[in-house]
Each structure stands twice: as C-alpha cells, then as structure tokens.
PDB file of N, CA and C in Angstrom:
ATOM      1  N   MET A   1      -5.450  61.274  28.805  1.00  0.00           N
ATOM      2  CA  MET A   1      -6.431  62.073  29.509  1.00  0.00           C
ATOM      3  C   MET A   1      -6.614  61.478  30.999  1.00  0.00           C
ATOM      4  N   ILE A   2      -6.844  62.335  31.973  1.00  0.00           N
ATOM      5  CA  ILE A   2      -7.286  61.790  33.301  1.00  0.00           C
ATOM      6  C   ILE A   2      -8.457  62.607  33.469  1.00  0.00           C
ATOM      7  N   THR A   3      -9.089  61.762  34.514  1.00  0.00           N
ATOM      8  CA  THR A   3     -10.546  62.525  34.966  1.00  0.00           C
ATOM      9  C   THR A   3     -10.357  62.967  36.570  1.00  0.00           C
ATOM     10  N   VAL A   4     -10.662  63.891  36.736  1.00  0.00           N
ATOM     11  CA  VAL A   4     -10.638  64.344  38.366  1.00  0.00           C
ATOM     12  C   VAL A   4     -11.783  65.082  38.805  1.00  0.00           C
ATOM     13  N   THR A   5     -11.936  65.376  40.091  1.00  0.00           N
ATOM     14  CA  THR A   5     -13.355  65.847  40.450  1.00  0.00           C
ATOM     15  C   THR A   5     -13.002  67.150  41.232  1.00  0.00           C
ATOM     16  N   ARG A   6     -13.831  68.264  40.608  1.00  0.00           N
ATOM     17  CA  ARG A   6     -13.866  69.497  41.049  1.00  0.00           C
ATOM     18  C   ARG A   6     -14.532  69.515  42.597  1.00  0.00           C
ATOM     19  N   LEU A   7     -14.422  70.406  43.131  1.00  0.00           N
ATOM     20  CA  LEU A   7     -14.741  70.819  44.625  1.00  0.00           C
ATOM     21  C   LEU A   7     -16.387  70.595  44.552  1.00  0.00           C
ATOM     22  N   ASN A   8     -17.134  70.915  43.593  1.00  0.00           N
ATOM     23  CA  ASN A   8     -18.763  70.632  43.402  1.00  0.00           C
ATOM     24  C   ASN A   8     -19.055  69.250  43.091  1.00  0.00           C
ATOM     25  N   HIS A   9     -17.983  68.564  43.034  1.00  0.00           N
ATOM     26  CA  HIS A   9     -18.360  66.970  42.624  1.00  0.00           C
ATOM     27  C   HIS A   9     -18.617  66.900  41.222  1.00  0.00           C
ATOM     28  N   GLN A  10     -18.079  67.857  40.525  1.00  0.00           N
ATOM     29  CA  GLN A  10     -18.313  67.865  38.944  1.00  0.00           C
ATOM     30  C   GLN A  10     -16.925  66.939  38.286  1.00  0.00           C
ATOM     31  N   GLU A  11     -17.234  66.186  37.442  1.00  0.00           N
ATOM     32  CA  GLU A  11     -15.882  65.588  36.816  1.00  0.00           C
ATOM     33  C   GLU A  11     -15.483  66.292  35.730  1.00  0.00           C
ATOM     34  N   LEU A  12     -14.059  66.474  35.763  1.00  0.00           N
ATOM     35  CA  LEU A  12     -13.372  67.141  34.746  1.00  0.00           C
ATOM     36  C   LEU A  12     -12.291  66.098  34.122  1.00  0.00           C
ATOM     37  N   THR A  13     -12.283  66.132  32.611  1.00  0.00           N
ATOM     38  CA  THR A  13     -11.153  65.430  32.002  1.00  0.00           C
ATOM     39  C   THR A  13     -10.183  66.350  31.378  1.00  0.00           C
ATOM     40  N   LEU A  14      -8.802  65.890  32.049  1.00  0.00           N
ATOM     41  CA  LEU A  14      -7.793  66.977  31.380  1.00  0.00           C
ATOM     42  C   LEU A  14      -6.747  66.280  30.900  1.00  0.00           C
ATOM     43  N   ASN A  15      -6.011  66.887  29.617  1.00  0.00           N
ATOM     44  CA  ASN A  15      -4.980  66.243  29.185  1.00  0.00           C
ATOM     45  C   ASN A  15      -3.823  66.316  29.889  1.00  0.00           C
ATOM     46  N   SER A  16      -3.406  65.189  30.511  1.00  0.00           N
ATOM     47  CA  SER A  16      -2.373  65.239  31.670  1.00  0.00           C
ATOM     48  C   SER A  16      -1.071  65.483  30.880  1.00  0.00           C
ATOM     49  N   ASP A  17      -0.699  65.780  29.657  1.00  0.00           N
ATOM     50  CA  ASP A  17       0.599  66.127  29.211  1.00  0.00           C
ATOM     51  C   ASP A  17       0.692  67.851  29.439  1.00  0.00           C
ATOM     52  N   LEU A  18      -0.604  68.359  29.711  1.00  0.00           N
ATOM     53  CA  LEU A  18      -0.303  69.789  29.684  1.00  0.00           C
ATOM     54  C   LEU A  18      -0.586  70.261  31.250  1.00  0.00           C
ATOM     55  N   ILE A  19      -0.226  69.324  32.102  1.00  0.00           N
ATOM     56  CA  ILE A  19      -0.296  69.709  33.379  1.00  0.00           C
ATOM     57  C   ILE A  19       1.175  70.266  33.951  1.00  0.00           C
ATOM     58  N   GLU A  20       1.328  71.503  34.301  1.00  0.00           N
ATOM     59  CA  GLU A  20       2.417  72.038  34.609  1.00  0.00           C
ATOM     60  C   GLU A  20       2.917  71.794  36.071  1.00  0.00           C
ATOM     61  N   THR A  21       1.854  72.097  37.120  1.00  0.00           N
ATOM     62  CA  THR A  21       2.417  71.771  38.568  1.00  0.00           C
ATOM     63  C   THR A  21       1.020  71.242  39.237  1.00  0.00           C
ATOM     64  N   LEU A  22       1.259  70.433  40.296  1.00  0.00           N
ATOM     65  CA  LEU A  22       0.346  70.186  41.191  1.00  0.00           C
ATOM     66  C   LEU A  22       0.675  70.436  42.477  1.00  0.00           C
ATOM     67  N   GLU A  23      -0.110  71.245  43.115  1.00  0.00           N
ATOM     68  CA  GLU A  23       0.078  71.703  44.535  1.00  0.00           C
ATOM     69  C   GLU A  23      -0.931  71.207  45.567  1.00  0.00           C
ATOM     70  N   GLN A  24      -0.427  70.541  46.462  1.00  0.00           N
ATOM     71  CA  GLN A  24      -1.286  70.279  47.660  1.00  0.00           C
ATOM     72  C   GLN A  24      -1.346  71.147  48.914  1.00  0.00           C
ATOM     73  N   THR A  25      -2.289  71.824  48.879  1.00  0.00           N
ATOM     74  CA  THR A  25      -2.901  72.664  49.750  1.00  0.00           C
ATOM     75  C   THR A  25      -3.849  71.813  50.545  1.00  0.00           C
ATOM     76  N   PRO A  26      -4.711  72.402  51.259  1.00  0.00           N
ATOM     77  CA  PRO A  26      -5.836  71.349  51.730  1.00  0.00           C
ATOM     78  C   PRO A  26      -6.526  70.799  50.658  1.00  0.00           C
ATOM     79  N   ASP A  27      -6.882  71.416  49.424  1.00  0.00           N
ATOM     80  CA  ASP A  27      -7.297  70.765  48.383  1.00  0.00           C
ATOM     81  C   ASP A  27      -6.033  70.854  47.175  1.00  0.00           C
ATOM     82  N   THR A  28      -6.244  70.156  46.314  1.00  0.00           N
ATOM     83  CA  THR A  28      -5.143  70.032  45.275  1.00  0.00           C
ATOM     84  C   THR A  28      -5.488  71.119  44.233  1.00  0.00           C
ATOM     85  N   VAL A  29      -4.323  71.837  43.764  1.00  0.00           N
ATOM     86  CA  VAL A  29      -4.556  72.854  42.838  1.00  0.00           C
ATOM     87  C   VAL A  29      -3.609  72.379  41.502  1.00  0.00           C
ATOM     88  N   ILE A  30      -4.234  72.226  40.364  1.00  0.00           N
ATOM     89  CA  ILE A  30      -3.631  71.861  39.264  1.00  0.00           C
ATOM     90  C   ILE A  30      -3.472  73.079  38.406  1.00  0.00           C
ATOM     91  N   THR A  31      -2.338  73.407  37.897  1.00  0.00           N
ATOM     92  CA  THR A  31      -1.760  74.277  37.010  1.00  0.00           C
ATOM     93  C   THR A  31      -1.789  73.684  35.645  1.00  0.00           C
ATOM     94  N   MET A  32      -2.223  74.338  34.431  1.00  0.00           N
ATOM     95  CA  MET A  32      -1.925  73.555  33.284  1.00  0.00           C
ATOM     96  C   MET A  32      -1.117  74.806  32.496  1.00  0.00           C
ATOM     97  N   THR A  33      -0.283  74.107  31.374  1.00  0.00           N
ATOM     98  CA  THR A  33       0.606  74.956  30.708  1.00  0.00           C
ATOM     99  C   THR A  33       0.090  76.362  30.158  1.00  0.00           C
ATOM    100  N   THR A  34      -1.207  76.115  30.040  1.00  0.00           N
ATOM    101  CA  THR A  34      -1.905  77.444  29.421  1.00  0.00           C
ATOM    102  C   THR A  34      -2.176  78.473  30.632  1.00  0.00           C
ATOM    103  N   GLY A  35      -1.890  78.265  31.778  1.00  0.00           N
ATOM    104  CA  GLY A  35      -2.246  79.082  32.836  1.00  0.00           C
ATOM    105  C   GLY A  35      -3.385  78.662  33.667  1.00  0.00           C
ATOM    106  N   ASN A  36      -4.261  77.873  32.909  1.00  0.00           N
ATOM    107  CA  ASN A  36      -5.638  77.584  33.691  1.00  0.00           C
ATOM    108  C   ASN A  36      -5.378  76.855  34.904  1.00  0.00           C
ATOM    109  N   LYS A  37      -6.170  77.141  35.718  1.00  0.00           N
ATOM    110  CA  LYS A  37      -5.776  76.344  37.451  1.00  0.00           C
ATOM    111  C   LYS A  37      -7.074  75.847  37.535  1.00  0.00           C
ATOM    112  N   PHE A  38      -7.094  74.531  38.153  1.00  0.00           N
ATOM    113  CA  PHE A  38      -8.260  73.770  38.654  1.00  0.00           C
ATOM    114  C   PHE A  38      -8.111  73.294  40.236  1.00  0.00           C
ATOM    115  N   ILE A  39      -9.161  73.451  40.985  1.00  0.00           N
ATOM    116  CA  ILE A  39      -9.046  72.830  42.285  1.00  0.00           C
ATOM    117  C   ILE A  39      -9.749  71.639  42.441  1.00  0.00           C
ATOM    118  N   VAL A  40      -9.198  70.600  42.952  1.00  0.00           N
ATOM    119  CA  VAL A  40      -9.842  69.264  42.701  1.00  0.00           C
ATOM    120  C   VAL A  40      -9.607  68.583  44.033  1.00  0.00           C
ATOM    121  N   ILE A  41     -10.495  67.614  44.353  1.00  0.00           N
ATOM    122  CA  ILE A  41     -10.398  66.954  45.535  1.00  0.00           C
ATOM    123  C   ILE A  41      -9.357  65.741  45.787  1.00  0.00           C
ATOM    124  N   GLU A  42      -8.856  65.114  44.420  1.00  0.00           N
ATOM    125  CA  GLU A  42      -8.194  64.165  44.599  1.00  0.00           C
ATOM    126  C   GLU A  42      -6.717  64.683  45.214  1.00  0.00           C
ATOM    127  N   SER A  43      -5.953  63.777  45.884  1.00  0.00           N
ATOM    128  CA  SER A  43      -4.527  64.248  46.431  1.00  0.00           C
ATOM    129  C   SER A  43      -3.452  64.094  45.160  1.00  0.00           C
ATOM    130  N   THR A  44      -2.520  64.904  45.331  1.00  0.00           N
ATOM    131  CA  THR A  44      -1.401  64.918  44.329  1.00  0.00           C
ATOM    132  C   THR A  44      -0.835  63.293  44.184  1.00  0.00           C
ATOM    133  N   ALA A  45      -0.719  62.828  45.215  1.00  0.00           N
ATOM    134  CA  ALA A  45      -0.373  61.156  44.807  1.00  0.00           C
ATOM    135  C   ALA A  45      -1.366  60.539  43.878  1.00  0.00           C
ATOM    136  N   GLU A  46      -2.815  60.743  44.218  1.00  0.00           N
ATOM    137  CA  GLU A  46      -3.690  59.999  43.421  1.00  0.00           C
ATOM    138  C   GLU A  46      -3.628  60.654  41.957  1.00  0.00           C
ATOM    139  N   ILE A  47      -3.426  61.835  41.820  1.00  0.00           N
ATOM    140  CA  ILE A  47      -3.360  62.216  40.368  1.00  0.00           C
ATOM    141  C   ILE A  47      -2.244  61.799  39.713  1.00  0.00           C
ATOM    142  N   ILE A  48      -1.142  61.706  40.409  1.00  0.00           N
ATOM    143  CA  ILE A  48       0.191  60.999  39.612  1.00  0.00           C
ATOM    144  C   ILE A  48      -0.121  59.632  39.317  1.00  0.00           C
ATOM    145  N   LYS A  49      -0.722  58.840  40.369  1.00  0.00           N
ATOM    146  CA  LYS A  49      -1.117  57.599  40.095  1.00  0.00           C
ATOM    147  C   LYS A  49      -1.856  57.438  38.522  1.00  0.00           C
ATOM    148  N   ARG A  50      -2.648  58.046  38.561  1.00  0.00           N
ATOM    149  CA  ARG A  50      -3.737  58.312  37.278  1.00  0.00           C
ATOM    150  C   ARG A  50      -2.866  58.506  36.021  1.00  0.00           C
ATOM    151  N   ILE A  51      -2.033  59.500  36.149  1.00  0.00           N
ATOM    152  CA  ILE A  51      -1.180  59.880  35.081  1.00  0.00           C
ATOM    153  C   ILE A  51      -0.535  58.537  34.459  1.00  0.00           C
ATOM    154  N   ILE A  52       0.327  57.895  35.584  1.00  0.00           N
ATOM    155  CA  ILE A  52       1.116  57.037  35.278  1.00  0.00           C
ATOM    156  C   ILE A  52       0.273  55.592  34.706  1.00  0.00           C
ATOM    157  N   ASP A  53      -0.965  55.309  35.260  1.00  0.00           N
ATOM    158  CA  ASP A  53      -1.727  54.450  34.760  1.00  0.00           C
ATOM    159  C   ASP A  53      -2.231  54.616  33.415  1.00  0.00           C
ATOM    160  N   TYR A  54      -2.294  55.950  32.928  1.00  0.00           N
ATOM    161  CA  TYR A  54      -2.932  56.443  31.644  1.00  0.00           C
ATOM    162  C   TYR A  54      -1.729  56.209  30.643  1.00  0.00           C
ATOM    163  N   LYS A  55      -0.561  56.666  30.935  1.00  0.00           N
ATOM    164  CA  LYS A  55       0.498  56.451  30.272  1.00  0.00           C
ATOM    165  C   LYS A  55       1.052  54.897  29.841  1.00  0.00           C
ATOM    166  N   ARG A  56       0.756  54.354  30.828  1.00  0.00           N
ATOM    167  CA  ARG A  56       1.090  52.928  30.713  1.00  0.00           C
ATOM    168  C   ARG A  56       0.207  52.008  29.777  1.00  0.00           C
ATOM    169  N   LYS A  57      -1.260  52.612  30.081  1.00  0.00           N
ATOM    170  CA  LYS A  57      -2.138  51.958  29.093  1.00  0.00           C
ATOM    171  C   LYS A  57      -1.791  52.448  27.639  1.00  0.00           C
ATOM    172  N   ILE A  58      -1.325  53.669  27.391  1.00  0.00           N
ATOM    173  CA  ILE A  58      -1.233  54.061  26.046  1.00  0.00           C
ATOM    174  C   ILE A  58       0.078  53.352  25.342  1.00  0.00           C
ATOM    175  N   LEU A  59       1.195  53.284  26.335  1.00  0.00           N
ATOM    176  CA  LEU A  59       2.434  52.501  25.828  1.00  0.00           C
ATOM    177  C   LEU A  59       2.050  51.085  25.597  1.00  0.00           C
ATOM    178  N   GLN A  60       1.375  50.394  26.427  1.00  0.00           N
ATOM    179  CA  GLN A  60       0.979  49.096  25.992  1.00  0.00           C
ATOM    180  C   GLN A  60       0.052  48.787  24.399  1.00  0.00           C
ATOM    181  N   VAL A  61      -0.673  49.769  24.195  1.00  0.00           N
ATOM    182  CA  VAL A  61      -1.493  49.733  22.807  1.00  0.00           C
ATOM    183  C   VAL A  61      -0.232  49.919  21.770  1.00  0.00           C
ATOM    184  N   VAL A  62       0.648  50.782  22.136  1.00  0.00           N
ATOM    185  CA  VAL A  62       1.628  51.196  20.939  1.00  0.00           C
ATOM    186  C   VAL A  62       2.867  49.966  20.986  1.00  0.00           C
ATOM    187  N   GLU A  63       3.084  49.451  22.109  1.00  0.00           N
ATOM    188  CA  GLU A  63       3.833  48.135  21.961  1.00  0.00           C
ATOM    189  C   GLU A  63       3.226  46.829  20.934  1.00  0.00           C
ATOM    190  N   GLU A  64       1.748  46.823  21.140  1.00  0.00           N
ATOM    191  CA  GLU A  64       1.191  45.690  20.519  1.00  0.00           C
ATOM    192  C   GLU A  64       1.307  45.795  19.201  1.00  0.00           C
TER     193      GLU A  64
END
C-alpha cells in the first residue's frame, strides 16, 4: 500500500499491486486495474520510489 495526495490535498492509500499505469501530464494520473483513475500531485518517479520502498519493506519482513 502506498499513500498519495489528491489535488485537493486529501491523502489516499492505494494497493500498489493494482496500479496498471502511471501517466505524467502536468499532474499524475494513476489508472488502476479496476479502471478507476486518480489524479495526484506526486510525480511518477516519486510514486515508483514509494512502490519500490514498500515492496522492499515487505520482502525484508518475509526474509526474517
């Protein structure tokens, strides 16, 4: 799960495994496998970093 910020500054937590695409327009559009779309203020690079950090954290717990 990652937390992102909508344009109205409301935080939203998403299941990163359900993200289908990230599009960088002036704002970032996240499209989920369900077809839902979310416009957020974080860049695609920042979202990718958050996904990687989250998955690393999960894998560390599994390996221990």
